[in-house]
Amino acid sequence: MKQAIIICERIILKAKWFLPFYLFTFLPLNAQRMDNVPEHSKYIQAVDEYRPAPGQNVNDIPEYEEGDTEITMAQKCTERIAGDYKNTHLISLGGWGGYVTFHFDHSIANIPGQRDFAIWGNAYQEQTNQVFGGMNEAGIVMVSKDTNGNGLPDDPWYEISGSCDVDSIGKVIYNYEVTYQRNPMGIIPWIDNQGHSGTIERINQWHPQEYYPEWLPDGLTFRGTRLPDNMIDLTETVERTWSQWYFVLVGFRYGYVDNLANWTDKADANSWNYEGCGIDISWAVDENRQSVNLDFIDFVRVYTGLNQKCPAPNWWGETSTEIQCAEDLHLDASLDAIRQATAIKAMDNGPLIMDNYIYDLLGRKISPRQKGIYIQNGKKITIQ
């Protein structure tokens, strides 16, 4: 490989001051992920976990095939939701608690005063415009920072506090828990920690497959926050010739997935609803509902936040969150913040490494196989 080496003696930091480059020691750093790729993407790179609750679309999107495992089902989810909206497809999280975990090829920075990422679902405005929203199967968002640096979603998780925390005080159930029991090709029973029980009903006309996730064990238990029921019966407001029943799911103002339409104008495919579907990392709270200060996040988790079903037979069934893709809303700002955080932290890590080895921008010793910017003997080099 031809190498053209360009020496950079200093870099400019966001704070408008200069640091000599020879002060930096590039060592492995935690919680600022920036993969060594030819070009960074604002879209999902891969799914880490897929553990849906039972539901009418489970085992179908994505399709379960005999012999599939948690690993292969996560790979199938990656094939469906990693990429832009035009080249991705929905996955279902099933009933309350079912979740998916995914990551990008870089950490997403918390940029003050901005929505940081968006997750797109299939919510839409109901046709009679009687309520806000109308087909809104809200999913709750959680975020995590890879503080131990092992590339796995095993660090503390923080929930994004959405509008229900201020609009529906006393109606949100925190520390909620549901356990589902397998019942092959039958109605799926569940019990919760509030003394209630219920079922996931079958809608055989539209979804004849098994509803319990085939690759997961019996007795699935999920824990988290339950949002207030948002289903309203508007059947009496429409002509029976138009619809035998008319139930709607009222939208929440902000902070959830599959909750508001992807577009502000359904006739304009470019009118992305960043305000309604975007997530601000600054909304993250800990298990005590106290705000946390996260400069970056490395993993995102979405789980179905509603536990309700439509009483009309063979119509809607359970409320289940679906997602299609997600994106970093400020890719360049995230990458710039990672570089700055890496440089600032590296300055405090000790003496300069002068070993002639080549490192990537996160301090990992590598043998470059593609063009890019690297570190050698404490200085930037560009391999062309």
Protein backbone atom coordinates (compact mmCIF):
# COMPACT_ATOMS: atom_id res chain seq x y z
CA MET A 1 0.00 0.00 0.00
CA LYS A 2 1.32 3.40 -0.99
CA GLN A 3 1.70 5.64 2.06
CA ALA A 4 1.76 9.42 1.97
CA ILE A 5 2.53 10.65 5.49
CA ILE A 6 1.37 14.08 6.53
CA ILE A 7 2.44 15.40 9.94
CA CYS A 8 -0.10 17.46 11.92
CA GLU A 9 1.45 19.39 14.80
CA ARG A 10 -1.70 20.69 16.44
CA ILE A 11 -5.48 20.42 16.41
CA ILE A 12 -8.23 22.94 17.07
CA LEU A 13 -10.61 22.18 19.88
CA LYS A 14 -14.17 23.42 20.16
CA ALA A 15 -13.20 25.79 22.94
CA LYS A 16 -11.13 27.82 20.38
CA TRP A 17 -7.72 27.10 21.87
CA PHE A 18 -4.77 25.12 20.57
CA LEU A 19 -2.89 22.15 22.03
CA PRO A 20 0.45 20.90 20.71
CA PHE A 21 -0.13 17.45 19.28
CA TYR A 22 2.98 16.01 20.93
CA LEU A 23 1.24 16.35 24.31
CA PHE A 24 -1.30 13.70 23.40
CA THR A 25 -1.01 10.00 24.19
CA PHE A 26 -3.59 7.98 22.28
CA LEU A 27 -4.63 5.10 24.52
CA PRO A 28 -7.77 2.94 24.51
CA LEU A 29 -10.55 5.17 25.82
CA ASN A 30 -13.95 4.21 27.20
CA ALA A 31 -17.35 5.35 25.96
CA GLN A 32 -16.34 7.15 22.79
CA ARG A 33 -16.87 4.64 20.01
CA MET A 34 -15.66 5.51 16.52
CA ASP A 35 -15.19 2.41 14.39
CA ASN A 36 -12.45 2.28 11.78
CA VAL A 37 -14.68 2.46 8.70
CA PRO A 38 -14.19 4.19 5.33
CA GLU A 39 -17.19 6.43 5.97
CA HIS A 40 -19.31 6.77 9.09
CA SER A 41 -23.06 6.26 8.83
CA LYS A 42 -25.80 8.07 10.72
CA TYR A 43 -27.88 4.88 10.67
CA ILE A 44 -27.90 1.75 12.86
CA GLN A 45 -24.87 -0.48 12.40
CA ALA A 46 -26.14 -3.65 14.11
CA VAL A 47 -28.70 -5.12 16.51
CA ASP A 48 -27.22 -6.52 19.73
CA GLU A 49 -30.34 -8.07 21.30
CA TYR A 50 -33.85 -8.93 20.16
CA ARG A 51 -36.20 -10.20 22.86
CA PRO A 52 -39.79 -9.47 21.91
CA ALA A 53 -42.78 -10.24 24.09
CA PRO A 54 -45.50 -12.42 22.53
CA GLY A 55 -47.52 -10.69 19.84
CA GLN A 56 -49.34 -11.05 16.55
CA ASN A 57 -46.28 -10.09 14.45
CA VAL A 58 -43.70 -12.05 16.45
CA ASN A 59 -41.99 -14.88 14.54
CA ASP A 60 -43.05 -13.06 11.36
CA ILE A 61 -41.17 -9.72 11.25
CA PRO A 62 -38.48 -10.93 11.29
CA GLU A 63 -39.40 -14.48 10.35
CA TYR A 64 -38.39 -17.25 12.72
CA GLU A 65 -37.05 -20.42 11.07
CA GLU A 66 -36.41 -23.69 12.85
CA GLY A 67 -33.00 -23.65 14.50
CA ASP A 68 -32.84 -19.87 14.91
CA THR A 69 -31.24 -18.58 18.12
CA GLU A 70 -31.03 -15.21 19.85
CA ILE A 71 -27.90 -14.54 17.79
CA THR A 72 -29.43 -15.38 14.42
CA MET A 73 -32.65 -13.50 15.20
CA ALA A 74 -30.59 -10.42 16.12
CA GLN A 75 -28.79 -10.78 12.79
CA LYS A 76 -32.13 -10.92 10.99
CA CYS A 77 -33.15 -7.72 12.76
CA THR A 78 -29.91 -6.09 11.63
CA GLU A 79 -30.75 -7.02 8.05
CA ARG A 80 -34.14 -5.32 8.44
CA ILE A 81 -33.43 -2.10 10.37
CA ALA A 82 -29.75 -1.22 9.68
CA GLY A 83 -29.80 1.46 6.99
CA ASP A 84 -31.91 4.36 5.75
CA TYR A 85 -35.69 4.39 5.70
CA LYS A 86 -36.03 3.42 2.03
CA ASN A 87 -33.91 0.29 2.48
CA THR A 88 -35.20 -1.02 5.80
CA HIS A 89 -38.23 -2.92 7.06
CA LEU A 90 -40.27 -3.08 10.24
CA ILE A 91 -39.59 -5.36 13.18
CA SER A 92 -42.12 -5.99 15.95
CA LEU A 93 -41.40 -5.90 19.68
CA GLY A 94 -44.62 -7.69 20.64
CA GLY A 95 -46.61 -6.87 23.78
CA TRP A 96 -45.51 -4.84 26.80
CA GLY A 97 -41.81 -5.12 27.66
CA GLY A 98 -40.52 -6.74 24.46
CA TYR A 99 -37.34 -4.99 23.32
CA VAL A 100 -34.54 -4.54 20.81
CA THR A 101 -31.04 -3.17 21.49
CA PHE A 102 -28.83 -1.67 18.78
CA HIS A 103 -25.76 0.48 18.19
CA PHE A 104 -24.18 2.72 15.58
CA ASP A 105 -20.59 2.77 14.26
CA HIS A 106 -19.86 5.66 16.62
CA SER A 107 -21.02 7.12 19.91
CA ILE A 108 -23.85 9.64 19.65
CA ALA A 109 -22.99 12.92 21.34
CA ASN A 110 -25.40 14.81 23.57
CA ILE A 111 -25.53 18.18 21.82
CA PRO A 112 -27.15 20.77 24.14
CA GLY A 113 -30.53 22.06 23.04
CA GLN A 114 -30.95 19.57 20.19
CA ARG A 115 -32.69 16.29 19.46
CA ASP A 116 -29.81 13.82 19.20
CA PHE A 117 -31.29 10.81 17.42
CA ALA A 118 -34.59 9.70 15.93
CA ILE A 119 -36.23 6.27 15.69
CA TRP A 120 -38.81 5.76 12.97
CA GLY A 121 -41.84 3.48 13.31
CA ASN A 122 -45.21 3.19 11.56
CA ALA A 123 -47.48 5.45 13.61
CA TYR A 124 -49.93 7.64 11.71
CA GLN A 125 -52.68 10.22 12.19
CA GLU A 126 -56.15 8.66 12.36
CA GLN A 127 -58.30 9.45 9.34
CA THR A 128 -61.09 11.45 10.98
CA ASN A 129 -58.68 13.80 12.83
CA GLN A 130 -60.71 13.64 16.04
CA VAL A 131 -57.67 13.06 18.29
CA PHE A 132 -53.94 13.77 18.37
CA GLY A 133 -52.39 10.78 16.64
CA GLY A 134 -54.63 7.76 16.32
CA MET A 135 -52.39 4.78 15.60
CA ASN A 136 -49.70 5.28 18.19
CA GLU A 137 -48.14 2.19 19.81
CA ALA A 138 -45.61 4.00 21.96
CA GLY A 139 -42.29 2.40 22.77
CA ILE A 140 -40.05 3.57 25.60
CA VAL A 141 -36.41 4.45 24.86
CA MET A 142 -33.40 3.61 27.01
CA VAL A 143 -29.77 4.60 26.47
CA SER A 144 -26.45 3.31 27.75
CA LYS A 145 -22.84 4.43 27.67
CA ASP A 146 -20.13 1.81 27.16
CA THR A 147 -18.15 2.87 30.21
CA ASN A 148 -16.34 -0.44 30.61
CA GLY A 149 -15.26 -0.27 26.97
CA ASN A 150 -16.01 -3.90 26.10
CA GLY A 151 -18.38 -3.11 23.23
CA LEU A 152 -21.31 -4.92 24.88
CA PRO A 153 -24.61 -3.49 26.19
CA ASP A 154 -23.85 -4.49 29.78
CA ASP A 155 -23.38 -1.08 31.43
CA PRO A 156 -26.09 0.83 33.35
CA TRP A 157 -29.20 1.76 31.38
CA TYR A 158 -31.09 5.04 31.62
CA GLU A 159 -34.65 5.66 30.52
CA ILE A 160 -35.66 8.59 28.36
CA SER A 161 -38.29 10.54 30.29
CA GLY A 162 -41.08 11.31 27.82
CA SER A 163 -44.09 13.58 28.06
CA CYS A 164 -46.17 11.11 30.12
CA ASP A 165 -43.94 11.86 33.10
CA VAL A 166 -45.35 15.40 33.17
CA ASP A 167 -48.71 15.02 31.39
CA SER A 168 -49.95 11.85 33.11
CA ILE A 169 -48.67 12.07 36.68
CA GLY A 170 -50.19 9.29 38.75
CA LYS A 171 -51.13 7.26 35.67
CA VAL A 172 -47.68 5.95 34.75
CA ILE A 173 -46.67 2.72 36.50
CA TYR A 174 -42.97 2.56 37.32
CA ASN A 175 -41.16 -0.64 38.29
CA TYR A 176 -43.78 -2.60 36.40
CA GLU A 177 -43.23 -6.31 35.66
CA VAL A 178 -44.97 -8.83 33.41
CA THR A 179 -44.39 -12.58 32.93
CA TYR A 180 -45.70 -14.42 29.85
CA GLN A 181 -46.31 -18.15 29.60
CA ARG A 182 -45.97 -20.23 26.47
CA ASN A 183 -49.19 -21.75 25.08
CA PRO A 184 -48.42 -23.19 21.62
CA MET A 185 -50.76 -21.80 18.94
CA GLY A 186 -53.10 -20.58 21.64
CA ILE A 187 -53.93 -17.43 23.58
CA ILE A 188 -50.84 -16.30 25.56
CA PRO A 189 -51.50 -15.68 29.28
CA TRP A 190 -49.62 -13.11 31.37
CA ILE A 191 -49.52 -11.91 34.97
CA ASP A 192 -48.05 -8.68 36.35
CA ASN A 193 -46.70 -7.49 39.69
CA GLN A 194 -49.80 -5.38 40.32
CA GLY A 195 -52.04 -8.39 40.90
CA HIS A 196 -53.50 -8.37 37.40
CA SER A 197 -53.55 -10.91 34.60
CA GLY A 198 -54.52 -10.96 30.95
CA THR A 199 -53.90 -12.49 27.56
CA ILE A 200 -52.39 -11.85 24.15
CA GLU A 201 -55.26 -12.77 21.84
CA ARG A 202 -54.91 -14.49 18.49
CA ILE A 203 -55.99 -12.86 15.22
CA ASN A 204 -55.86 -15.94 13.05
CA GLN A 205 -57.37 -14.25 10.03
CA TRP A 206 -54.31 -12.06 9.58
CA HIS A 207 -51.57 -13.69 11.66
CA PRO A 208 -51.82 -17.51 11.80
CA GLN A 209 -48.28 -18.20 13.10
CA GLU A 210 -47.18 -18.90 16.69
CA TYR A 211 -47.23 -15.69 18.81
CA TYR A 212 -44.73 -16.69 21.53
CA PRO A 213 -41.11 -16.05 20.39
CA GLU A 214 -40.00 -19.56 19.42
CA TRP A 215 -36.30 -19.10 20.21
CA LEU A 216 -36.82 -17.77 23.75
CA PRO A 217 -37.53 -19.76 26.93
CA ASP A 218 -40.90 -20.13 28.61
CA GLY A 219 -41.78 -17.70 31.37
CA LEU A 220 -40.43 -14.51 29.79
CA THR A 221 -40.32 -11.69 32.35
CA PHE A 222 -39.90 -8.01 31.48
CA ARG A 223 -39.45 -5.03 33.80
CA GLY A 224 -39.77 -1.31 33.20
CA THR A 225 -42.32 1.49 32.92
CA ARG A 226 -45.91 1.05 31.81
CA LEU A 227 -47.44 4.04 30.03
CA PRO A 228 -51.10 4.93 30.57
CA ASP A 229 -53.62 3.28 28.25
CA ASN A 230 -54.30 5.47 25.22
CA MET A 231 -57.06 3.56 23.41
CA ILE A 232 -60.38 5.32 22.79
CA ASP A 233 -63.53 3.88 21.22
CA LEU A 234 -64.83 6.26 18.53
CA THR A 235 -67.08 3.71 16.87
CA GLU A 236 -70.20 5.81 17.45
CA THR A 237 -68.69 8.72 15.53
CA VAL A 238 -68.33 6.95 12.17
CA GLU A 239 -70.68 5.35 9.68
CA ARG A 240 -70.94 1.56 10.03
CA THR A 241 -70.65 1.26 6.27
CA TRP A 242 -67.18 2.77 6.63
CA SER A 243 -66.01 0.67 9.58
CA GLN A 244 -67.70 -1.77 11.95
CA TRP A 245 -65.46 -0.51 14.77
CA TYR A 246 -63.28 2.53 15.16
CA PHE A 247 -60.74 2.49 17.98
CA VAL A 248 -57.85 4.96 18.07
CA LEU A 249 -54.62 5.24 20.04
CA VAL A 250 -54.00 8.82 21.18
CA GLY A 251 -50.44 10.06 20.77
CA PHE A 252 -48.15 11.36 23.52
CA ARG A 253 -46.39 14.69 22.97
CA TYR A 254 -42.75 13.60 22.84
CA GLY A 255 -40.10 11.16 23.94
CA TYR A 256 -41.30 7.81 22.54
CA VAL A 257 -41.01 5.55 19.50
CA ASP A 258 -43.80 4.56 17.08
CA ASN A 259 -45.81 7.24 18.81
CA LEU A 260 -46.15 10.04 16.25
CA ALA A 261 -46.14 9.99 12.45
CA ASN A 262 -42.72 10.01 10.76
CA TRP A 263 -43.73 13.02 8.67
CA THR A 264 -45.34 16.33 9.57
CA ASP A 265 -47.04 16.38 6.15
CA LYS A 266 -48.07 12.95 4.87
CA ALA A 267 -48.01 14.31 1.31
CA ASP A 268 -44.35 15.34 1.65
CA ALA A 269 -41.89 12.45 2.08
CA ASN A 270 -39.18 14.92 3.11
CA SER A 271 -41.10 16.47 6.01
CA TRP A 272 -39.42 14.31 8.65
CA ASN A 273 -40.93 14.80 12.10
CA TYR A 274 -37.66 15.34 13.95
CA GLU A 275 -39.39 17.28 16.71
CA GLY A 276 -42.00 14.61 17.45
CA CYS A 277 -39.88 11.51 16.83
CA GLY A 278 -36.48 12.86 17.90
CA ILE A 279 -34.91 11.99 21.24
CA ASP A 280 -32.79 14.33 23.39
CA ILE A 281 -30.19 12.43 25.43
CA SER A 282 -30.61 15.11 28.11
CA TRP A 283 -34.03 13.57 28.90
CA ALA A 284 -32.33 10.47 30.38
CA VAL A 285 -33.15 9.58 34.00
CA ASP A 286 -31.88 6.93 36.40
CA GLU A 287 -33.92 4.30 38.24
CA ASN A 288 -34.98 6.96 40.77
CA ARG A 289 -36.26 9.20 37.95
CA GLN A 290 -33.42 11.65 38.54
CA SER A 291 -31.77 13.33 35.56
CA VAL A 292 -28.36 12.02 34.51
CA ASN A 293 -25.68 13.86 32.59
CA LEU A 294 -24.52 11.76 29.63
CA ASP A 295 -22.04 13.28 27.19
CA PHE A 296 -22.29 10.30 24.82
CA ILE A 297 -24.37 7.16 24.44
CA ASP A 298 -23.30 3.93 22.73
CA PHE A 299 -26.39 1.72 22.87
CA VAL A 300 -30.11 2.32 22.40
CA ARG A 301 -32.89 0.05 23.59
CA VAL A 302 -36.60 0.32 22.72
CA TYR A 303 -39.35 -1.63 24.47
CA THR A 304 -43.13 -1.67 24.09
CA GLY A 305 -44.53 0.70 26.71
CA LEU A 306 -48.27 -0.07 26.55
CA ASN A 307 -50.10 -3.09 27.94
CA GLN A 308 -53.54 -3.03 26.36
CA LYS A 309 -55.54 -4.78 23.65
CA CYS A 310 -58.44 -3.84 21.43
CA PRO A 311 -61.75 -5.31 22.67
CA ALA A 312 -63.09 -5.65 19.11
CA PRO A 313 -62.53 -9.25 17.96
CA ASN A 314 -60.11 -9.86 15.10
CA TRP A 315 -59.36 -6.16 14.68
CA TRP A 316 -56.21 -4.84 16.37
CA GLY A 317 -55.20 -7.28 19.06
CA GLU A 318 -52.45 -6.16 21.44
CA THR A 319 -50.66 -2.83 21.23
CA SER A 320 -47.13 -3.57 20.05
CA THR A 321 -44.32 -1.21 19.12
CA GLU A 322 -42.73 -1.54 15.69
CA ILE A 323 -39.58 0.18 14.50
CA GLN A 324 -38.02 0.47 11.06
CA CYS A 325 -34.75 2.37 11.44
CA ALA A 326 -32.94 5.01 13.49
CA GLU A 327 -30.46 7.79 12.81
CA ASP A 328 -28.00 10.10 14.51
CA LEU A 329 -29.45 13.55 13.84
CA HIS A 330 -26.04 15.26 13.95
CA LEU A 331 -23.44 12.81 12.66
CA ASP A 332 -20.68 15.37 12.08
CA ALA A 333 -21.18 16.93 15.52
CA SER A 334 -20.99 13.48 17.15
CA LEU A 335 -17.75 12.64 15.34
CA ASP A 336 -16.23 16.02 16.19
CA ALA A 337 -17.18 15.60 19.85
CA ILE A 338 -15.60 12.13 19.93
CA ARG A 339 -12.33 13.44 18.48
CA GLN A 340 -12.24 16.30 20.95
CA ALA A 341 -13.05 14.08 23.94
CA THR A 342 -10.40 11.59 22.82
CA ALA A 343 -7.76 14.27 22.48
CA ILE A 344 -8.55 15.98 25.78
CA LYS A 345 -8.62 12.77 27.81
CA ALA A 346 -5.56 11.39 26.08
CA MET A 347 -3.53 14.43 27.14
CA ASP A 348 -3.83 13.29 30.76
CA ASN A 349 -2.88 9.66 30.21
CA GLY A 350 0.87 9.79 30.60
CA PRO A 351 4.07 9.92 28.54
CA LEU A 352 4.06 9.88 24.74
CA ILE A 353 4.15 6.47 23.08
CA MET A 354 7.15 6.30 20.69
CA ASP A 355 7.09 2.68 19.52
CA ASN A 356 6.69 3.13 15.73
CA TYR A 357 3.41 1.18 15.81
CA ILE A 358 0.35 2.62 14.10
CA TYR A 359 -2.83 3.30 16.11
CA ASP A 360 -6.35 4.32 15.10
CA LEU A 361 -7.99 7.41 16.59
CA LEU A 362 -9.24 5.44 19.59
CA GLY A 363 -5.75 4.23 20.47
CA ARG A 364 -6.04 0.66 19.15
CA LYS A 365 -2.87 -0.78 17.64
CA ILE A 366 -3.61 -1.81 14.07
CA SER A 367 -2.10 -2.72 10.70
CA PRO A 368 -3.85 -0.26 8.35
CA ARG A 369 -5.51 -1.86 5.35
CA GLN A 370 -7.35 1.18 4.04
CA LYS A 371 -7.02 4.91 3.59
CA GLY A 372 -7.53 7.08 6.63
CA ILE A 373 -6.04 9.11 9.48
CA TYR A 374 -3.94 7.24 12.06
CA ILE A 375 -1.48 7.92 14.88
CA GLN A 376 2.22 7.02 14.83
CA ASN A 377 4.75 8.14 17.43
CA GLY A 378 2.26 10.66 18.77
CA LYS A 379 1.51 12.37 15.47
CA LYS A 380 -1.27 12.10 12.93
CA ILE A 381 -0.50 10.40 9.65
CA THR A 382 -2.70 10.07 6.60
CA ILE A 383 -2.48 6.87 4.59
CA GLN A 384 -3.60 7.32 1.00
